[in-house]
């Protein structure tokens, strides 16, 4: 589970890692979905499922796989769902007539939600990472009433341009050599510069994305591999530090965001940022403030986690999953309405 047991038990996984029910396969013959947990137990305990939406585009679910501990540690009495977005992991690439764009991935999430019957079953607790994950998750929560019971947004920004600005500023804190090769490659995407670029990105990643580095066990998938170049080229221009591609001017509409989420059944939102994240505190709090600027009680909490980069669930898995479980249980204990966690 992506370094979780490597960190906490010298790689020795508990029995539940092998005994918790699971299933996996393609939905709509395109998107690979993995589900862990016992449906009957979860319904008996009135535990809503958890759905993970990874960052990207082009990053498989693997780096978020320790989320499955939320099911195993309660004997399967909570279902956890993860999926690989189109063009990465075990999901299929775009076919003729399909274009890698925001609509493709929103339609994919709609399909996953429909096939898992998340709305019909009463909603899910949604965990989303990065601007891309937050964009998909909030769009679905605003579109589908009773899809999201809670939202946990890790390292989010209100726009792609804000994320790029913060990441670009963070380049000043790595070695000049790595900074220069990163910017040189992104200037023209010359493949002859790619190996140097990837090496520079590993330094950047170990500083801001996952501070555990190679000890994270899945560090190599924390950023999109070359196999995802096609979708990243279409959506981000193949760049992390330059606003480019179809997502360049994209943003989450903040106007009345809290009221709109609350009206659609979202009972609590939690924004989590690692203290070492390239995304700034002010950028993350922009979303918090927008959600809390509603007519009712504020229901978005902000949590800054020490000794962690963007992937808080990798760097501080102990704290992250324990606190996520507490927040989920608090939201389920409420008799109704939004609440502040």
Protein backbone atom coordinates (compact mmCIF):
# COMPACT_ATOMS: atom_id res chain seq x y z
CA UNK A 1 0.00 0.00 0.00
CA UNK A 2 2.46 2.55 -1.29
CA UNK A 3 4.97 2.60 1.52
CA UNK A 4 2.46 2.69 4.37
CA UNK A 5 3.57 -0.54 6.02
CA UNK A 6 7.20 0.07 5.04
CA UNK A 7 7.06 3.11 7.30
CA UNK A 8 5.08 1.74 10.22
CA UNK A 9 5.91 -1.97 10.46
CA UNK A 10 9.15 -2.53 8.53
CA UNK A 11 7.16 -3.79 5.56
CA UNK A 12 5.15 -6.36 7.52
CA UNK A 13 1.48 -5.98 6.58
CA UNK A 14 -1.26 -6.97 9.06
CA UNK A 15 -3.64 -9.83 8.37
CA UNK A 16 -6.42 -7.51 7.19
CA UNK A 17 -4.32 -6.51 4.18
CA UNK A 18 -4.87 -10.05 2.91
CA UNK A 19 -8.32 -10.88 4.27
CA UNK A 20 -10.34 -7.74 3.47
CA UNK A 21 -12.67 -8.41 0.51
CA UNK A 22 -11.80 -6.64 -2.73
CA UNK A 23 -12.72 -6.57 -6.38
CA UNK A 24 -11.40 -4.78 -9.42
CA UNK A 25 -11.99 -4.44 -13.13
CA UNK A 26 -13.00 -2.14 -15.96
CA UNK A 27 -16.19 -0.10 -15.97
CA UNK A 28 -17.61 0.99 -19.32
CA UNK A 29 -14.80 -1.15 -20.79
CA UNK A 30 -12.41 1.76 -20.23
CA UNK A 31 -11.74 2.76 -16.60
CA UNK A 32 -10.11 0.42 -14.12
CA UNK A 33 -11.69 0.60 -10.65
CA UNK A 34 -10.61 -1.14 -7.46
CA UNK A 35 -12.98 -1.58 -4.54
CA UNK A 36 -12.03 -2.79 -1.06
CA UNK A 37 -14.45 -3.63 1.73
CA UNK A 38 -17.57 -5.58 2.61
CA UNK A 39 -20.74 -3.97 1.25
CA UNK A 40 -23.08 -5.73 3.68
CA UNK A 41 -20.97 -4.87 6.72
CA UNK A 42 -20.66 -1.27 5.60
CA UNK A 43 -24.42 -0.90 5.14
CA UNK A 44 -25.11 -2.51 8.50
CA UNK A 45 -22.77 -0.05 10.20
CA UNK A 46 -24.15 2.83 8.08
CA UNK A 47 -20.62 3.64 6.90
CA UNK A 48 -20.53 5.54 3.61
CA UNK A 49 -17.78 4.61 1.15
CA UNK A 50 -14.64 6.63 0.43
CA UNK A 51 -13.70 7.55 -3.14
CA UNK A 52 -10.23 8.77 -4.13
CA UNK A 53 -9.60 11.13 -7.07
CA UNK A 54 -5.91 11.32 -7.91
CA UNK A 55 -3.93 14.29 -9.17
CA UNK A 56 -2.79 14.41 -12.76
CA UNK A 57 -3.65 14.04 -15.48
CA UNK A 58 -1.81 10.80 -15.97
CA UNK A 59 -1.11 9.59 -12.44
CA UNK A 60 -2.40 6.16 -11.46
CA UNK A 61 -4.20 5.47 -8.20
CA UNK A 62 -1.19 3.59 -6.75
CA UNK A 63 0.29 6.45 -4.74
CA UNK A 64 -3.02 6.82 -2.85
CA UNK A 65 -3.51 3.11 -2.25
CA UNK A 66 -2.89 3.26 1.53
CA UNK A 67 -6.40 4.70 1.70
CA UNK A 68 -7.46 1.05 1.76
CA UNK A 69 -6.41 0.90 5.42
CA UNK A 70 -9.64 2.77 6.24
CA UNK A 71 -11.46 -0.40 5.22
CA UNK A 72 -9.07 -3.00 6.57
CA UNK A 73 -8.81 -1.50 10.01
CA UNK A 74 -12.59 -1.82 10.52
CA UNK A 75 -12.80 -5.35 9.20
CA UNK A 76 -14.08 -4.25 5.82
CA UNK A 77 -16.99 -2.30 7.30
CA UNK A 78 -16.27 0.67 5.06
CA UNK A 79 -15.82 0.43 1.31
CA UNK A 80 -12.95 2.28 -0.36
CA UNK A 81 -12.83 2.91 -4.10
CA UNK A 82 -9.89 4.02 -6.22
CA UNK A 83 -9.63 4.29 -9.99
CA UNK A 84 -7.05 4.87 -12.69
CA UNK A 85 -7.86 7.80 -14.91
CA UNK A 86 -7.92 7.24 -18.66
CA UNK A 87 -4.52 6.78 -20.23
CA UNK A 88 -2.70 5.67 -17.09
CA UNK A 89 -2.38 2.64 -14.83
CA UNK A 90 -4.69 -0.17 -15.90
CA UNK A 91 -7.26 2.06 -17.61
CA UNK A 92 -7.44 2.27 -21.38
CA UNK A 93 -6.06 5.10 -23.47
CA UNK A 94 -8.29 7.46 -25.40
CA UNK A 95 -9.77 5.87 -28.50
CA UNK A 96 -10.35 7.35 -31.95
CA UNK A 97 -12.69 10.29 -31.62
CA UNK A 98 -11.79 10.92 -27.97
CA UNK A 99 -9.69 13.86 -26.85
CA UNK A 100 -7.77 14.16 -23.63
CA UNK A 101 -9.49 17.12 -22.05
CA UNK A 102 -11.39 18.07 -18.92
CA UNK A 103 -14.68 16.84 -20.37
CA UNK A 104 -13.25 13.36 -20.95
CA UNK A 105 -12.19 13.04 -17.33
CA UNK A 106 -15.39 14.57 -15.97
CA UNK A 107 -17.39 12.08 -18.04
CA UNK A 108 -15.16 9.31 -16.72
CA UNK A 109 -15.87 10.33 -13.12
CA UNK A 110 -19.59 10.49 -13.91
CA UNK A 111 -19.36 6.93 -15.19
CA UNK A 112 -17.52 5.74 -12.08
CA UNK A 113 -20.08 7.41 -9.82
CA UNK A 114 -22.94 5.88 -11.79
CA UNK A 115 -21.48 2.37 -11.94
CA UNK A 116 -20.74 2.36 -8.21
CA UNK A 117 -24.22 3.76 -7.47
CA UNK A 118 -22.68 6.29 -5.09
CA UNK A 119 -25.56 8.76 -5.32
CA UNK A 120 -28.26 6.09 -5.02
CA UNK A 121 -26.49 4.56 -2.00
CA UNK A 122 -26.43 7.89 -0.14
CA UNK A 123 -23.15 9.50 -1.17
CA UNK A 124 -19.44 9.08 -0.54
CA UNK A 125 -16.62 10.72 1.34
CA UNK A 126 -14.40 12.07 -1.42
CA UNK A 127 -10.63 12.49 -1.16
CA UNK A 128 -9.01 14.50 -3.97
CA UNK A 129 -5.40 15.53 -4.55
CA UNK A 130 -3.97 18.61 -6.24
CA UNK A 131 -5.69 21.14 -8.45
CA UNK A 132 -6.70 18.46 -10.94
CA UNK A 133 -8.28 16.21 -8.32
CA UNK A 134 -10.01 19.14 -6.60
CA UNK A 135 -11.34 20.40 -9.94
CA UNK A 136 -12.89 17.03 -10.79
CA UNK A 137 -14.26 16.38 -7.29
CA UNK A 138 -15.80 19.82 -6.75
CA UNK A 139 -17.32 19.84 -10.23
CA UNK A 140 -19.04 16.53 -9.52
CA UNK A 141 -20.15 17.65 -6.05
CA UNK A 142 -21.72 20.77 -7.56
CA UNK A 143 -23.34 18.82 -10.38
CA UNK A 144 -24.71 15.80 -8.51
CA UNK A 145 -26.72 16.34 -5.33
CA UNK A 146 -25.87 13.79 -2.64
CA UNK A 147 -22.71 12.60 -4.38
CA UNK A 148 -20.28 13.91 -1.76
CA UNK A 149 -21.03 13.71 1.96
CA UNK A 150 -17.63 15.24 2.73
CA UNK A 151 -14.74 16.57 0.66
CA UNK A 152 -11.09 16.28 1.66
CA UNK A 153 -8.96 18.37 -0.68
CA UNK A 154 -5.20 17.84 -0.38
CA UNK A 155 -2.89 20.51 -1.80
CA UNK A 156 -5.65 22.26 -3.77
CA UNK A 157 -5.59 25.62 -5.51
CA UNK A 158 -8.44 27.65 -6.95
CA UNK A 159 -6.96 27.65 -10.44
CA UNK A 160 -4.36 25.94 -12.56
CA UNK A 161 -2.57 29.29 -12.95
CA UNK A 162 -2.26 29.59 -9.16
CA UNK A 163 -0.76 26.11 -8.91
CA UNK A 164 1.75 26.93 -11.66
CA UNK A 165 2.67 30.23 -10.00
CA UNK A 166 3.34 28.53 -6.68
CA UNK A 167 5.34 25.69 -8.23
CA UNK A 168 7.36 28.18 -10.30
CA UNK A 169 8.20 30.19 -7.17
CA UNK A 170 9.32 26.99 -5.42
CA UNK A 171 11.92 26.40 -8.13
CA UNK A 172 14.04 29.06 -6.47
CA UNK A 173 14.50 26.75 -3.50
CA UNK A 174 16.16 23.87 -5.35
CA UNK A 175 19.64 23.76 -6.84
CA UNK A 176 20.31 26.18 -9.71
CA UNK A 177 21.33 23.22 -11.89
CA UNK A 178 17.98 21.48 -11.46
CA UNK A 179 16.06 24.71 -11.85
CA UNK A 180 17.84 25.50 -15.10
CA UNK A 181 17.34 22.09 -16.71
CA UNK A 182 13.66 22.08 -15.74
CA UNK A 183 13.04 25.48 -17.33
CA UNK A 184 15.17 24.62 -20.36
CA UNK A 185 13.09 21.53 -21.11
CA UNK A 186 9.76 23.26 -20.55
CA UNK A 187 10.75 26.06 -22.93
CA UNK A 188 10.62 23.79 -25.99
CA UNK A 189 9.95 20.19 -24.77
CA UNK A 190 13.09 19.04 -26.58
CA UNK A 191 13.29 15.31 -25.89
CA UNK A 192 17.09 15.44 -25.80
CA UNK A 193 16.73 17.41 -22.55
CA UNK A 194 14.24 15.01 -20.99
CA UNK A 195 16.61 12.88 -18.91
CA UNK A 196 18.11 15.99 -17.29
CA UNK A 197 14.59 17.33 -16.74
CA UNK A 198 13.46 14.13 -15.04
CA UNK A 199 16.49 14.26 -12.74
CA UNK A 200 15.69 17.87 -11.86
CA UNK A 201 12.08 16.91 -11.19
CA UNK A 202 13.21 14.20 -8.78
CA UNK A 203 15.02 16.83 -6.74
CA UNK A 204 11.97 19.11 -6.82
CA UNK A 205 9.69 16.22 -5.89
CA UNK A 206 11.79 15.12 -2.94
CA UNK A 207 11.60 18.67 -1.61
CA UNK A 208 7.96 19.53 -2.25
CA UNK A 209 5.91 16.55 -3.45
CA UNK A 210 6.90 13.69 -1.16
CA UNK A 211 9.61 14.36 1.37
CA UNK A 212 10.07 10.63 1.97
CA UNK A 213 11.83 10.35 -1.38
CA UNK A 214 12.73 6.83 -2.47
CA UNK A 215 11.71 5.55 0.98
CA UNK A 216 8.12 6.31 0.01
CA UNK A 217 8.05 3.01 -1.92
CA UNK A 218 5.96 4.53 -4.72
CA UNK A 219 7.85 7.77 -5.16
CA UNK A 220 8.29 7.14 -8.88
CA UNK A 221 4.54 7.38 -9.48
CA UNK A 222 4.01 10.51 -7.40
CA UNK A 223 4.55 12.47 -10.60
CA UNK A 224 3.30 11.44 -14.02
CA UNK A 225 5.63 9.07 -15.93
CA UNK A 226 6.51 9.39 -19.60
CA UNK A 227 3.72 6.98 -20.48
CA UNK A 228 1.26 9.76 -19.61
CA UNK A 229 2.88 12.36 -21.88
CA UNK A 230 -0.06 12.36 -24.32
CA UNK A 231 -2.69 13.47 -21.80
CA UNK A 232 -0.35 15.88 -20.02
CA UNK A 233 0.63 17.46 -23.34
CA UNK A 234 -3.03 18.03 -24.22
CA UNK A 235 -4.16 19.31 -20.83
CA UNK A 236 -1.13 21.05 -19.29
CA UNK A 237 1.04 21.47 -22.36
CA UNK A 238 3.34 18.83 -20.87
CA UNK A 239 4.52 21.36 -18.31
CA UNK A 240 4.38 21.82 -14.53
CA UNK A 241 5.88 25.30 -14.29
CA UNK A 242 4.28 27.10 -17.23
CA UNK A 243 0.56 27.72 -17.68
CA UNK A 244 -0.09 25.92 -20.95
CA UNK A 245 -2.46 23.45 -22.58
CA UNK A 246 -6.25 23.38 -22.38
CA UNK A 247 -6.16 23.80 -18.58
CA UNK A 248 -4.09 27.00 -18.63
CA UNK A 249 -6.95 29.35 -17.76
CA UNK A 250 -9.12 26.82 -15.96
CA UNK A 251 -10.38 27.49 -12.42
CA UNK A 252 -12.80 26.39 -9.73
CA UNK A 253 -15.63 28.90 -9.58
CA UNK A 254 -15.41 30.26 -6.03
CA UNK A 255 -18.50 32.49 -6.06
CA UNK A 256 -20.99 31.16 -3.53
CA UNK A 257 -19.05 27.87 -3.47
CA UNK A 258 -19.88 26.99 0.13
CA UNK A 259 -23.61 27.57 -0.28
CA UNK A 260 -23.70 25.56 -3.49
CA UNK A 261 -21.82 22.63 -1.98
CA UNK A 262 -23.98 22.69 1.14
CA UNK A 263 -27.16 22.76 -0.92
CA UNK A 264 -25.99 19.60 -2.70
CA UNK A 265 -25.48 17.66 0.50
CA UNK A 266 -21.81 18.28 1.30
CA UNK A 267 -21.71 18.36 5.07
CA UNK A 268 -18.07 19.20 5.66
CA UNK A 269 -14.96 20.14 3.71
CA UNK A 270 -11.38 19.78 4.88
CA UNK A 271 -8.44 21.38 3.08
CA UNK A 272 -5.10 19.74 3.91
CA UNK A 273 -1.70 21.16 3.04
CA UNK A 274 1.76 19.83 3.84
CA UNK A 275 3.96 22.49 5.42
CA UNK A 276 6.66 21.74 2.80
CA UNK A 277 4.25 21.86 -0.14
CA UNK A 278 5.07 24.06 -3.14
CA UNK A 279 1.43 25.20 -3.00
CA UNK A 280 1.37 28.16 -0.64
CA UNK A 281 -0.72 28.51 2.48
CA UNK A 282 -2.51 31.55 1.02
CA UNK A 283 -3.43 29.61 -2.13
CA UNK A 284 -4.90 26.70 -0.16
CA UNK A 285 -6.75 29.05 2.17
CA UNK A 286 -8.32 30.85 -0.80
CA UNK A 287 -10.57 27.81 -1.19
CA UNK A 288 -11.20 27.59 2.55
CA UNK A 289 -12.28 31.23 2.72
CA UNK A 290 -14.49 30.92 -0.35
CA UNK A 291 -16.34 27.92 1.09
CA UNK A 292 -16.76 29.53 4.50
CA UNK A 293 -18.14 32.75 2.97
CA UNK A 294 -21.70 31.45 2.98
CA UNK A 295 -24.88 32.40 4.79
CA UNK A 296 -24.75 29.46 7.17
CA UNK A 297 -22.20 28.09 9.62
CA UNK A 298 -18.65 27.77 8.20
CA UNK A 299 -17.97 24.13 7.38
CA UNK A 300 -14.53 24.08 5.81
CA UNK A 301 -11.53 23.38 8.06
CA UNK A 302 -7.89 24.00 7.23
CA UNK A 303 -5.18 21.59 8.35
CA UNK A 304 -1.48 22.26 7.77
CA UNK A 305 0.63 19.17 8.42
CA UNK A 306 4.28 19.43 9.44
CA UNK A 307 7.02 17.37 7.80
CA UNK A 308 5.00 16.76 4.66
CA UNK A 309 4.95 17.84 1.05
CA UNK A 310 2.03 17.79 -1.33
CA UNK A 311 1.46 14.07 -0.77
CA UNK A 312 0.54 14.34 2.92
CA UNK A 313 -0.94 10.83 2.77
CA UNK A 314 2.55 9.50 1.89
CA UNK A 315 4.68 11.66 4.16
CA UNK A 316 2.42 11.58 7.22
CA UNK A 317 0.23 8.57 6.59
CA UNK A 318 -0.16 7.92 10.30
CA UNK A 319 -1.70 11.29 11.00
CA UNK A 320 -3.47 11.71 7.68
CA UNK A 321 -5.54 8.52 7.70
CA UNK A 322 -6.31 8.69 11.41
CA UNK A 323 -7.57 12.28 11.10
CA UNK A 324 -9.46 11.51 7.90
CA UNK A 325 -11.22 8.63 9.63
CA UNK A 326 -12.13 10.88 12.57
CA UNK A 327 -13.56 13.53 10.24
CA UNK A 328 -15.57 10.98 8.30
CA UNK A 329 -17.03 9.50 11.48
CA UNK A 330 -17.90 12.94 12.88
CA UNK A 331 -19.74 13.86 9.70
CA UNK A 332 -21.70 10.59 9.79
CA UNK A 333 -22.63 11.07 13.44
CA UNK A 334 -24.36 14.35 12.73
CA UNK A 335 -28.14 14.13 12.38
CA UNK A 336 -28.17 16.53 9.47
CA UNK A 337 -26.83 19.74 7.96
CA UNK A 338 -23.32 20.98 7.45
CA UNK A 339 -20.92 21.09 10.33
CA UNK A 340 -17.44 22.39 10.99
CA UNK A 341 -14.84 19.73 11.70
